[in-house]
Structure formats: structure tokens, C-alpha cells
PDB file of N, CA and C in Angstrom:
ATOM      1  N   MET A   1     -42.128  -4.730 -42.024  1.00  0.00           N
ATOM      2  CA  MET A   1     -43.270  -5.056 -41.194  1.00  0.00           C
ATOM      3  C   MET A   1     -43.610  -6.523 -41.387  1.00  0.00           C
ATOM      4  N   ASP A   2     -43.881  -7.180 -40.306  1.00  0.00           N
ATOM      5  CA  ASP A   2     -44.231  -8.590 -40.339  1.00  0.00           C
ATOM      6  C   ASP A   2     -45.604  -8.750 -40.975  1.00  0.00           C
ATOM      7  N   LEU A   3     -45.672  -9.499 -42.070  1.00  0.00           N
ATOM      8  CA  LEU A   3     -46.942  -9.671 -42.765  1.00  0.00           C
ATOM      9  C   LEU A   3     -47.968 -10.424 -41.939  1.00  0.00           C
ATOM     10  N   ALA A   4     -47.533 -11.182 -40.944  1.00  0.00           N
ATOM     11  CA  ALA A   4     -48.479 -11.927 -40.119  1.00  0.00           C
ATOM     12  C   ALA A   4     -49.429 -10.993 -39.383  1.00  0.00           C
ATOM     13  N   ILE A   5     -48.972  -9.804 -39.031  1.00  0.00           N
ATOM     14  CA  ILE A   5     -49.850  -8.887 -38.312  1.00  0.00           C
ATOM     15  C   ILE A   5     -50.897  -8.275 -39.224  1.00  0.00           C
ATOM     16  N   LEU A   6     -50.704  -8.377 -40.507  1.00  0.00           N
ATOM     17  CA  LEU A   6     -51.676  -7.835 -41.446  1.00  0.00           C
ATOM     18  C   LEU A   6     -52.777  -8.826 -41.773  1.00  0.00           C
ATOM     19  N   GLY A   7     -52.641 -10.035 -41.310  1.00  0.00           N
ATOM     20  CA  GLY A   7     -53.638 -11.051 -41.626  1.00  0.00           C
ATOM     21  C   GLY A   7     -53.173 -11.873 -42.824  1.00  0.00           C
ATOM     22  N   ASN A   8     -54.105 -12.544 -43.422  1.00  0.00           N
ATOM     23  CA  ASN A   8     -53.831 -13.420 -44.546  1.00  0.00           C
ATOM     24  C   ASN A   8     -53.565 -12.580 -45.796  1.00  0.00           C
ATOM     25  N   VAL A   9     -52.394 -12.736 -46.387  1.00  0.00           N
ATOM     26  CA  VAL A   9     -52.023 -11.966 -47.571  1.00  0.00           C
ATOM     27  C   VAL A   9     -52.965 -12.291 -48.733  1.00  0.00           C
ATOM     28  N   GLU A  10     -53.427 -13.521 -48.794  1.00  0.00           N
ATOM     29  CA  GLU A  10     -54.364 -13.897 -49.863  1.00  0.00           C
ATOM     30  C   GLU A  10     -55.658 -13.101 -49.752  1.00  0.00           C
ATOM     31  N   GLU A  11     -56.103 -12.836 -48.530  1.00  0.00           N
ATOM     32  CA  GLU A  11     -57.314 -12.026 -48.341  1.00  0.00           C
ATOM     33  C   GLU A  11     -57.091 -10.606 -48.845  1.00  0.00           C
ATOM     34  N   LEU A  12     -55.890 -10.076 -48.634  1.00  0.00           N
ATOM     35  CA  LEU A  12     -55.575  -8.748 -49.161  1.00  0.00           C
ATOM     36  C   LEU A  12     -55.575  -8.760 -50.681  1.00  0.00           C
ATOM     37  N   ARG A  13     -55.035  -9.818 -51.275  1.00  0.00           N
ATOM     38  CA  ARG A  13     -55.031  -9.931 -52.745  1.00  0.00           C
ATOM     39  C   ARG A  13     -56.456  -9.969 -53.292  1.00  0.00           C
ATOM     40  N   GLU A  14     -57.331 -10.684 -52.595  1.00  0.00           N
ATOM     41  CA  GLU A  14     -58.714 -10.788 -53.061  1.00  0.00           C
ATOM     42  C   GLU A  14     -59.405  -9.426 -53.054  1.00  0.00           C
ATOM     43  N   GLU A  15     -59.089  -8.591 -52.077  1.00  0.00           N
ATOM     44  CA  GLU A  15     -59.717  -7.273 -51.976  1.00  0.00           C
ATOM     45  C   GLU A  15     -59.002  -6.201 -52.791  1.00  0.00           C
ATOM     46  N   LEU A  16     -57.858  -6.533 -53.371  1.00  0.00           N
ATOM     47  CA  LEU A  16     -57.075  -5.538 -54.093  1.00  0.00           C
ATOM     48  C   LEU A  16     -57.852  -4.822 -55.192  1.00  0.00           C
ATOM     49  N   PRO A  17     -58.619  -5.518 -56.045  1.00  0.00           N
ATOM     50  CA  PRO A  17     -59.365  -4.781 -57.079  1.00  0.00           C
ATOM     51  C   PRO A  17     -60.344  -3.758 -56.492  1.00  0.00           C
ATOM     52  N   GLN A  18     -61.032  -4.118 -55.407  1.00  0.00           N
ATOM     53  CA  GLN A  18     -61.958  -3.173 -54.784  1.00  0.00           C
ATOM     54  C   GLN A  18     -61.200  -1.973 -54.200  1.00  0.00           C
ATOM     55  N   TYR A  19     -60.046  -2.263 -53.599  1.00  0.00           N
ATOM     56  CA  TYR A  19     -59.237  -1.189 -53.029  1.00  0.00           C
ATOM     57  C   TYR A  19     -58.779  -0.222 -54.119  1.00  0.00           C
ATOM     58  N   LEU A  20     -58.258  -0.756 -55.207  1.00  0.00           N
ATOM     59  CA  LEU A  20     -57.771   0.092 -56.294  1.00  0.00           C
ATOM     60  C   LEU A  20     -58.898   0.912 -56.912  1.00  0.00           C
ATOM     61  N   ALA A  21     -60.061   0.304 -57.085  1.00  0.00           N
ATOM     62  CA  ALA A  21     -61.198   1.023 -57.654  1.00  0.00           C
ATOM     63  C   ALA A  21     -61.642   2.153 -56.731  1.00  0.00           C
ATOM     64  N   ALA A  22     -61.696   1.866 -55.450  1.00  0.00           N
ATOM     65  CA  ALA A  22     -62.135   2.881 -54.496  1.00  0.00           C
ATOM     66  C   ALA A  22     -61.109   3.999 -54.343  1.00  0.00           C
ATOM     67  N   ALA A  23     -59.828   3.681 -54.530  1.00  0.00           N
ATOM     68  CA  ALA A  23     -58.764   4.661 -54.332  1.00  0.00           C
ATOM     69  C   ALA A  23     -58.580   5.606 -55.516  1.00  0.00           C
ATOM     70  N   GLN A  24     -59.222   5.336 -56.639  1.00  0.00           N
ATOM     71  CA  GLN A  24     -59.087   6.206 -57.809  1.00  0.00           C
ATOM     72  C   GLN A  24     -59.496   7.629 -57.449  1.00  0.00           C
ATOM     73  N   GLY A  25     -58.599   8.561 -57.650  1.00  0.00           N
ATOM     74  CA  GLY A  25     -58.891   9.972 -57.410  1.00  0.00           C
ATOM     75  C   GLY A  25     -58.882  10.383 -55.945  1.00  0.00           C
ATOM     76  N   ALA A  26     -58.437   9.508 -55.055  1.00  0.00           N
ATOM     77  CA  ALA A  26     -58.400   9.859 -53.630  1.00  0.00           C
ATOM     78  C   ALA A  26     -57.391  10.973 -53.397  1.00  0.00           C
ATOM     79  N   ASN A  27     -57.752  11.888 -52.538  1.00  0.00           N
ATOM     80  CA  ASN A  27     -56.890  13.010 -52.193  1.00  0.00           C
ATOM     81  C   ASN A  27     -56.085  12.641 -50.959  1.00  0.00           C
ATOM     82  N   GLU A  28     -54.766  12.748 -51.039  1.00  0.00           N
ATOM     83  CA  GLU A  28     -53.920  12.313 -49.924  1.00  0.00           C
ATOM     84  C   GLU A  28     -54.150  13.151 -48.670  1.00  0.00           C
ATOM     85  N   GLY A  29     -54.658  14.341 -48.800  1.00  0.00           N
ATOM     86  CA  GLY A  29     -54.906  15.197 -47.640  1.00  0.00           C
ATOM     87  C   GLY A  29     -56.066  14.739 -46.780  1.00  0.00           C
ATOM     88  N   VAL A  30     -56.893  13.866 -47.294  1.00  0.00           N
ATOM     89  CA  VAL A  30     -58.071  13.413 -46.548  1.00  0.00           C
ATOM     90  C   VAL A  30     -58.097  11.896 -46.428  1.00  0.00           C
ATOM     91  N   MET A  31     -56.945  11.288 -46.260  1.00  0.00           N
ATOM     92  CA  MET A  31     -56.859   9.829 -46.253  1.00  0.00           C
ATOM     93  C   MET A  31     -57.637   9.191 -45.109  1.00  0.00           C
ATOM     94  N   LEU A  32     -57.578   9.747 -43.921  1.00  0.00           N
ATOM     95  CA  LEU A  32     -58.303   9.141 -42.804  1.00  0.00           C
ATOM     96  C   LEU A  32     -59.809   9.185 -43.059  1.00  0.00           C
ATOM     97  N   GLN A  33     -60.280  10.302 -43.606  1.00  0.00           N
ATOM     98  CA  GLN A  33     -61.703  10.409 -43.950  1.00  0.00           C
ATOM     99  C   GLN A  33     -62.056   9.396 -45.035  1.00  0.00           C
ATOM    100  N   TRP A  34     -61.171   9.235 -46.013  1.00  0.00           N
ATOM    101  CA  TRP A  34     -61.409   8.261 -47.090  1.00  0.00           C
ATOM    102  C   TRP A  34     -61.561   6.866 -46.512  1.00  0.00           C
ATOM    103  N   TRP A  35     -60.684   6.505 -45.565  1.00  0.00           N
ATOM    104  CA  TRP A  35     -60.756   5.174 -44.959  1.00  0.00           C
ATOM    105  C   TRP A  35     -62.035   4.986 -44.160  1.00  0.00           C
ATOM    106  N   ARG A  36     -62.511   6.048 -43.501  1.00  0.00           N
ATOM    107  CA  ARG A  36     -63.775   5.944 -42.764  1.00  0.00           C
ATOM    108  C   ARG A  36     -64.931   5.649 -43.714  1.00  0.00           C
ATOM    109  N   ILE A  37     -64.910   6.265 -44.872  1.00  0.00           N
ATOM    110  CA  ILE A  37     -65.994   6.095 -45.842  1.00  0.00           C
ATOM    111  C   ILE A  37     -65.885   4.766 -46.581  1.00  0.00           C
ATOM    112  N   ASN A  38     -64.690   4.408 -47.014  1.00  0.00           N
ATOM    113  CA  ASN A  38     -64.500   3.247 -47.884  1.00  0.00           C
ATOM    114  C   ASN A  38     -64.010   1.986 -47.184  1.00  0.00           C
ATOM    115  N   GLY A  39     -63.605   2.089 -45.952  1.00  0.00           N
ATOM    116  CA  GLY A  39     -62.989   0.961 -45.268  1.00  0.00           C
ATOM    117  C   GLY A  39     -63.889  -0.245 -45.100  1.00  0.00           C
ATOM    118  N   GLU A  40     -65.181  -0.028 -44.954  1.00  0.00           N
ATOM    119  CA  GLU A  40     -66.090  -1.156 -44.759  1.00  0.00           C
ATOM    120  C   GLU A  40     -66.170  -2.052 -46.000  1.00  0.00           C
ATOM    121  N   LYS A  41     -65.890  -1.492 -47.168  1.00  0.00           N
ATOM    122  CA  LYS A  41     -65.923  -2.278 -48.411  1.00  0.00           C
ATOM    123  C   LYS A  41     -64.709  -3.194 -48.537  1.00  0.00           C
ATOM    124  N   ILE A  42     -63.631  -2.818 -47.869  1.00  0.00           N
ATOM    125  CA  ILE A  42     -62.369  -3.567 -47.955  1.00  0.00           C
ATOM    126  C   ILE A  42     -61.794  -3.738 -46.548  1.00  0.00           C
ATOM    127  N   PRO A  43     -62.426  -4.564 -45.727  1.00  0.00           N
ATOM    128  CA  PRO A  43     -62.045  -4.653 -44.312  1.00  0.00           C
ATOM    129  C   PRO A  43     -60.616  -5.131 -44.054  1.00  0.00           C
ATOM    130  N   LYS A  44     -60.108  -6.012 -44.894  1.00  0.00           N
ATOM    131  CA  LYS A  44     -58.732  -6.489 -44.670  1.00  0.00           C
ATOM    132  C   LYS A  44     -57.737  -5.361 -44.922  1.00  0.00           C
ATOM    133  N   TRP A  45     -57.984  -4.578 -45.958  1.00  0.00           N
ATOM    134  CA  TRP A  45     -57.108  -3.447 -46.254  1.00  0.00           C
ATOM    135  C   TRP A  45     -57.261  -2.371 -45.182  1.00  0.00           C
ATOM    136  N   LYS A  46     -58.464  -2.199 -44.670  1.00  0.00           N
ATOM    137  CA  LYS A  46     -58.680  -1.225 -43.600  1.00  0.00           C
ATOM    138  C   LYS A  46     -57.852  -1.612 -42.368  1.00  0.00           C
ATOM    139  N   ALA A  47     -57.860  -2.904 -42.024  1.00  0.00           N
ATOM    140  CA  ALA A  47     -57.075  -3.369 -40.882  1.00  0.00           C
ATOM    141  C   ALA A  47     -55.582  -3.136 -41.103  1.00  0.00           C
ATOM    142  N   ALA A  48     -55.119  -3.397 -42.322  1.00  0.00           N
ATOM    143  CA  ALA A  48     -53.699  -3.177 -42.641  1.00  0.00           C
ATOM    144  C   ALA A  48     -53.361  -1.687 -42.561  1.00  0.00           C
ATOM    145  N   ALA A  49     -54.252  -0.845 -43.086  1.00  0.00           N
ATOM    146  CA  ALA A  49     -54.008   0.602 -43.063  1.00  0.00           C
ATOM    147  C   ALA A  49     -53.978   1.130 -41.634  1.00  0.00           C
ATOM    148  N   ARG A  50     -54.835   0.609 -40.785  1.00  0.00           N
ATOM    149  CA  ARG A  50     -54.839   1.050 -39.382  1.00  0.00           C
ATOM    150  C   ARG A  50     -53.491   0.780 -38.730  1.00  0.00           C
ATOM    151  N   ARG A  51     -52.896  -0.344 -39.051  1.00  0.00           N
ATOM    152  CA  ARG A  51     -51.581  -0.666 -38.474  1.00  0.00           C
ATOM    153  C   ARG A  51     -50.503   0.254 -39.025  1.00  0.00           C
ATOM    154  N   VAL A  52     -50.589   0.568 -40.303  1.00  0.00           N
ATOM    155  CA  VAL A  52     -49.598   1.473 -40.896  1.00  0.00           C
ATOM    156  C   VAL A  52     -49.751   2.870 -40.323  1.00  0.00           C
ATOM    157  N   PHE A  53     -50.994   3.344 -40.187  1.00  0.00           N
ATOM    158  CA  PHE A  53     -51.216   4.681 -39.647  1.00  0.00           C
ATOM    159  C   PHE A  53     -50.816   4.793 -38.185  1.00  0.00           C
ATOM    160  N   ALA A  54     -50.726   3.670 -37.493  1.00  0.00           N
ATOM    161  CA  ALA A  54     -50.347   3.685 -36.080  1.00  0.00           C
ATOM    162  C   ALA A  54     -48.854   3.951 -35.883  1.00  0.00           C
ATOM    163  N   VAL A  55     -48.066   3.789 -36.926  1.00  0.00           N
ATOM    164  CA  VAL A  55     -46.625   4.029 -36.833  1.00  0.00           C
ATOM    165  C   VAL A  55     -46.384   5.532 -36.757  1.00  0.00           C
ATOM    166  N   SER A  56     -45.654   5.938 -35.755  1.00  0.00           N
ATOM    167  CA  SER A  56     -45.371   7.354 -35.553  1.00  0.00           C
ATOM    168  C   SER A  56     -44.380   7.855 -36.601  1.00  0.00           C
ATOM    169  N   PRO A  57     -44.713   8.934 -37.306  1.00  0.00           N
ATOM    170  CA  PRO A  57     -43.813   9.446 -38.349  1.00  0.00           C
ATOM    171  C   PRO A  57     -42.772  10.424 -37.814  1.00  0.00           C
ATOM    172  N   THR A  58     -42.439  10.337 -36.545  1.00  0.00           N
ATOM    173  CA  THR A  58     -41.475  11.273 -35.976  1.00  0.00           C
ATOM    174  C   THR A  58     -40.160  10.572 -35.665  1.00  0.00           C
ATOM    175  N   SER A  59     -39.181  11.378 -35.392  1.00  0.00           N
ATOM    176  CA  SER A  59     -37.869  10.840 -35.014  1.00  0.00           C
ATOM    177  C   SER A  59     -37.625  11.005 -33.522  1.00  0.00           C
ATOM    178  N   ALA A  60     -38.700  11.196 -32.752  1.00  0.00           N
ATOM    179  CA  ALA A  60     -38.554  11.466 -31.324  1.00  0.00           C
ATOM    180  C   ALA A  60     -37.827  10.334 -30.594  1.00  0.00           C
ATOM    181  N   ALA A  61     -38.144   9.086 -30.940  1.00  0.00           N
ATOM    182  CA  ALA A  61     -37.487   7.964 -30.261  1.00  0.00           C
ATOM    183  C   ALA A  61     -35.978   7.991 -30.506  1.00  0.00           C
ATOM    184  N   ALA A  62     -35.577   8.222 -31.741  1.00  0.00           N
ATOM    185  CA  ALA A  62     -34.147   8.288 -32.053  1.00  0.00           C
ATOM    186  C   ALA A  62     -33.493   9.477 -31.353  1.00  0.00           C
ATOM    187  N   GLU A  63     -34.205  10.586 -31.298  1.00  0.00           N
ATOM    188  CA  GLU A  63     -33.655  11.762 -30.626  1.00  0.00           C
ATOM    189  C   GLU A  63     -33.468  11.506 -29.135  1.00  0.00           C
ATOM    190  N   ARG A  64     -34.380  10.748 -28.518  1.00  0.00           N
ATOM    191  CA  ARG A  64     -34.229  10.401 -27.104  1.00  0.00           C
ATOM    192  C   ARG A  64     -32.975   9.554 -26.888  1.00  0.00           C
ATOM    193  N   VAL A  65     -32.745   8.620 -27.804  1.00  0.00           N
ATOM    194  CA  VAL A  65     -31.548   7.775 -27.678  1.00  0.00           C
ATOM    195  C   VAL A  65     -30.295   8.634 -27.751  1.00  0.00           C
ATOM    196  N   PHE A  66     -30.246   9.568 -28.698  1.00  0.00           N
ATOM    197  CA  PHE A  66     -29.068  10.426 -28.812  1.00  0.00           C
ATOM    198  C   PHE A  66     -28.930  11.337 -27.595  1.00  0.00           C
ATOM    199  N   SER A  67     -30.050  11.773 -27.039  1.00  0.00           N
ATOM    200  CA  SER A  67     -30.002  12.591 -25.836  1.00  0.00           C
ATOM    201  C   SER A  67     -29.415  11.807 -24.670  1.00  0.00           C
ATOM    202  N   HIS A  68     -29.872  10.552 -24.515  1.00  0.00           N
ATOM    203  CA  HIS A  68     -29.311   9.701 -23.458  1.00  0.00           C
ATOM    204  C   HIS A  68     -27.829   9.441 -23.710  1.00  0.00           C
ATOM    205  N   LEU A  69     -27.474   9.200 -24.946  1.00  0.00           N
ATOM    206  CA  LEU A  69     -26.077   8.965 -25.286  1.00  0.00           C
ATOM    207  C   LEU A  69     -25.229  10.176 -24.909  1.00  0.00           C
ATOM    208  N   ASN A  70     -25.731  11.356 -25.199  1.00  0.00           N
ATOM    209  CA  ASN A  70     -24.997  12.569 -24.866  1.00  0.00           C
ATOM    210  C   ASN A  70     -24.825  12.718 -23.360  1.00  0.00           C
ATOM    211  N   SER A  71     -25.848  12.318 -22.596  1.00  0.00           N
ATOM    212  CA  SER A  71     -25.720  12.426 -21.139  1.00  0.00           C
ATOM    213  C   SER A  71     -24.710  11.424 -20.582  1.00  0.00           C
ATOM    214  N   TYR A  72     -24.548  10.288 -21.243  1.00  0.00           N
ATOM    215  CA  TYR A  72     -23.592   9.280 -20.794  1.00  0.00           C
ATOM    216  C   TYR A  72     -22.177   9.567 -21.274  1.00  0.00           C
ATOM    217  N   VAL A  73     -22.074  10.071 -22.472  1.00  0.00           N
ATOM    218  CA  VAL A  73     -20.762  10.258 -23.081  1.00  0.00           C
ATOM    219  C   VAL A  73     -20.562  11.737 -23.380  1.00  0.00           C
ATOM    220  N   GLY A  74     -20.149  12.447 -22.394  1.00  0.00           N
ATOM    221  CA  GLY A  74     -19.821  13.849 -22.576  1.00  0.00           C
ATOM    222  C   GLY A  74     -18.323  13.988 -22.749  1.00  0.00           C
ATOM    223  N   ASP A  75     -17.820  15.189 -22.536  1.00  0.00           N
ATOM    224  CA  ASP A  75     -16.375  15.421 -22.641  1.00  0.00           C
ATOM    225  C   ASP A  75     -15.606  14.608 -21.601  1.00  0.00           C
ATOM    226  N   ARG A  76     -16.213  14.440 -20.415  1.00  0.00           N
ATOM    227  CA  ARG A  76     -15.521  13.731 -19.331  1.00  0.00           C
ATOM    228  C   ARG A  76     -15.538  12.225 -19.521  1.00  0.00           C
ATOM    229  N   GLN A  77     -16.527  11.695 -20.252  1.00  0.00           N
ATOM    230  CA  GLN A  77     -16.673  10.247 -20.332  1.00  0.00           C
ATOM    231  C   GLN A  77     -16.429   9.714 -21.740  1.00  0.00           C
ATOM    232  N   GLY A  78     -15.712  10.429 -22.528  1.00  0.00           N
ATOM    233  CA  GLY A  78     -15.467  10.022 -23.901  1.00  0.00           C
ATOM    234  C   GLY A  78     -14.679   8.737 -24.045  1.00  0.00           C
ATOM    235  N   HIS A  79     -14.104   8.252 -22.967  1.00  0.00           N
ATOM    236  CA  HIS A  79     -13.272   7.051 -23.026  1.00  0.00           C
ATOM    237  C   HIS A  79     -14.056   5.759 -22.805  1.00  0.00           C
ATOM    238  N   LEU A  80     -15.373   5.845 -22.571  1.00  0.00           N
ATOM    239  CA  LEU A  80     -16.158   4.625 -22.343  1.00  0.00           C
ATOM    240  C   LEU A  80     -16.123   3.710 -23.561  1.00  0.00           C
ATOM    241  N   LEU A  81     -16.132   2.452 -23.314  1.00  0.00           N
ATOM    242  CA  LEU A  81     -16.142   1.481 -24.405  1.00  0.00           C
ATOM    243  C   LEU A  81     -17.525   1.414 -25.041  1.00  0.00           C
ATOM    244  N   ASP A  82     -17.552   1.096 -26.312  1.00  0.00           N
ATOM    245  CA  ASP A  82     -18.816   1.033 -27.041  1.00  0.00           C
ATOM    246  C   ASP A  82     -19.819   0.077 -26.421  1.00  0.00           C
ATOM    247  N   ASP A  83     -19.338  -1.067 -25.941  1.00  0.00           N
ATOM    248  CA  ASP A  83     -20.274  -2.038 -25.371  1.00  0.00           C
ATOM    249  C   ASP A  83     -20.900  -1.532 -24.074  1.00  0.00           C
ATOM    250  N   LYS A  84     -20.165  -0.775 -23.286  1.00  0.00           N
ATOM    251  CA  LYS A  84     -20.725  -0.202 -22.059  1.00  0.00           C
ATOM    252  C   LYS A  84     -21.750   0.872 -22.401  1.00  0.00           C
ATOM    253  N   ILE A  85     -21.462   1.660 -23.406  1.00  0.00           N
ATOM    254  CA  ILE A  85     -22.408   2.695 -23.844  1.00  0.00           C
ATOM    255  C   ILE A  85     -23.690   2.043 -24.334  1.00  0.00           C
ATOM    256  N   GLU A  86     -23.543   1.011 -25.139  1.00  0.00           N
ATOM    257  CA  GLU A  86     -24.716   0.312 -25.663  1.00  0.00           C
ATOM    258  C   GLU A  86     -25.545  -0.280 -24.529  1.00  0.00           C
ATOM    259  N   LEU A  87     -24.899  -0.889 -23.546  1.00  0.00           N
ATOM    260  CA  LEU A  87     -25.600  -1.477 -22.411  1.00  0.00           C
ATOM    261  C   LEU A  87     -26.350  -0.403 -21.619  1.00  0.00           C
ATOM    262  N   MET A  88     -25.708   0.722 -21.368  1.00  0.00           N
ATOM    263  CA  MET A  88     -26.366   1.794 -20.621  1.00  0.00           C
ATOM    264  C   MET A  88     -27.583   2.326 -21.380  1.00  0.00           C
ATOM    265  N   LEU A  89     -27.456   2.474 -22.686  1.00  0.00           N
ATOM    266  CA  LEU A  89     -28.583   2.947 -23.493  1.00  0.00           C
ATOM    267  C   LEU A  89     -29.728   1.949 -23.487  1.00  0.00           C
ATOM    268  N   MET A  90     -29.404   0.673 -23.609  1.00  0.00           N
ATOM    269  CA  MET A  90     -30.446  -0.353 -23.602  1.00  0.00           C
ATOM    270  C   MET A  90     -31.188  -0.349 -22.275  1.00  0.00           C
ATOM    271  N   LEU A  91     -30.460  -0.225 -21.177  1.00  0.00           N
ATOM    272  CA  LEU A  91     -31.091  -0.189 -19.864  1.00  0.00           C
ATOM    273  C   LEU A  91     -31.974   1.047 -19.708  1.00  0.00           C
ATOM    274  N   GLN A  92     -31.486   2.184 -20.180  1.00  0.00           N
ATOM    275  CA  GLN A  92     -32.259   3.423 -20.080  1.00  0.00           C
ATOM    276  C   GLN A  92     -33.525   3.345 -20.924  1.00  0.00           C
ATOM    277  N   CYS A  93     -33.411   2.843 -22.145  1.00  0.00           N
ATOM    278  CA  CYS A  93     -34.579   2.724 -23.024  1.00  0.00           C
ATOM    279  C   CYS A  93     -35.570   1.719 -22.457  1.00  0.00           C
ATOM    280  N   ARG A  94     -35.080   0.638 -21.892  1.00  0.00           N
ATOM    281  CA  ARG A  94     -35.960  -0.365 -21.289  1.00  0.00           C
ATOM    282  C   ARG A  94     -36.721   0.246 -20.118  1.00  0.00           C
ATOM    283  N   HIS A  95     -36.026   1.061 -19.340  1.00  0.00           N
ATOM    284  CA  HIS A  95     -36.654   1.728 -18.212  1.00  0.00           C
ATOM    285  C   HIS A  95     -37.801   2.627 -18.686  1.00  0.00           C
ATOM    286  N   HIS A  96     -37.594   3.367 -19.770  1.00  0.00           N
ATOM    287  CA  HIS A  96     -38.631   4.262 -20.286  1.00  0.00           C
ATOM    288  C   HIS A  96     -39.804   3.488 -20.863  1.00  0.00           C
ATOM    289  N   LEU A  97     -39.558   2.322 -21.423  1.00  0.00           N
ATOM    290  CA  LEU A  97     -40.641   1.520 -21.993  1.00  0.00           C
ATOM    291  C   LEU A  97     -41.525   0.922 -20.906  1.00  0.00           C
ATOM    292  N   THR A  98     -40.970   0.697 -19.723  1.00  0.00           N
ATOM    293  CA  THR A  98     -41.747   0.078 -18.651  1.00  0.00           C
ATOM    294  C   THR A  98     -42.445   1.104 -17.766  1.00  0.00           C
ATOM    295  N   GLU A  99     -42.215   2.376 -18.004  1.00  0.00           N
ATOM    296  CA  GLU A  99     -42.873   3.414 -17.203  1.00  0.00           C
ATOM    297  C   GLU A  99     -44.323   3.557 -17.576  1.00  0.00           C
TER     298      GLU A  99
END
């Protein structure tokens, strides 16, 4: 992850002691609730956590790519060159991103 999107790393370092103190005994099952309660005390860390939580923990995107690959390269089209397959996948994925 690009650290620039997290803001100034020095600001995160400055808030680190408060973050560690607040995180003592935190239950992982209630992390979003914990951030709602404690996030105002450590705003830079809250902003960083929001970006991390925004990342989807699924493999759906990769599965879509393999699904498209399967539709392009079946038993009949197994002879396609790798670069053509890659180009077709890139075009298909680009199309889905712009929808």
C-alpha cells in the first residue's frame, strides 16, 4: 500500500503510543465498534484504518478474471497465444471497471 495515501507517517508515529494504549485488550470481533469509540483520540490512525478496512477480503475479482479466461480459452481455443489472452482479459476487465 502506498504510504502517501495514509498521510504523513510522522503523524502516525506521534499517535502510536495513544493507539497502542487504547488497543490494549481490544477484541478483534468488535473492531469497527472499537474504532468508532476510540478513533477520535487517534485521527491519523483512524484514517489509515478506514483505508485498510475498505479493501475487500474476497477473491471475487480474481475469480472473475479466471471466469473470463475460461470463456476465452476453452477446448476449442486452447491454441491462443498468451499475449492475445492477456489483451482480451485486460479489455474485458477494463470494460467492467467502466460500467
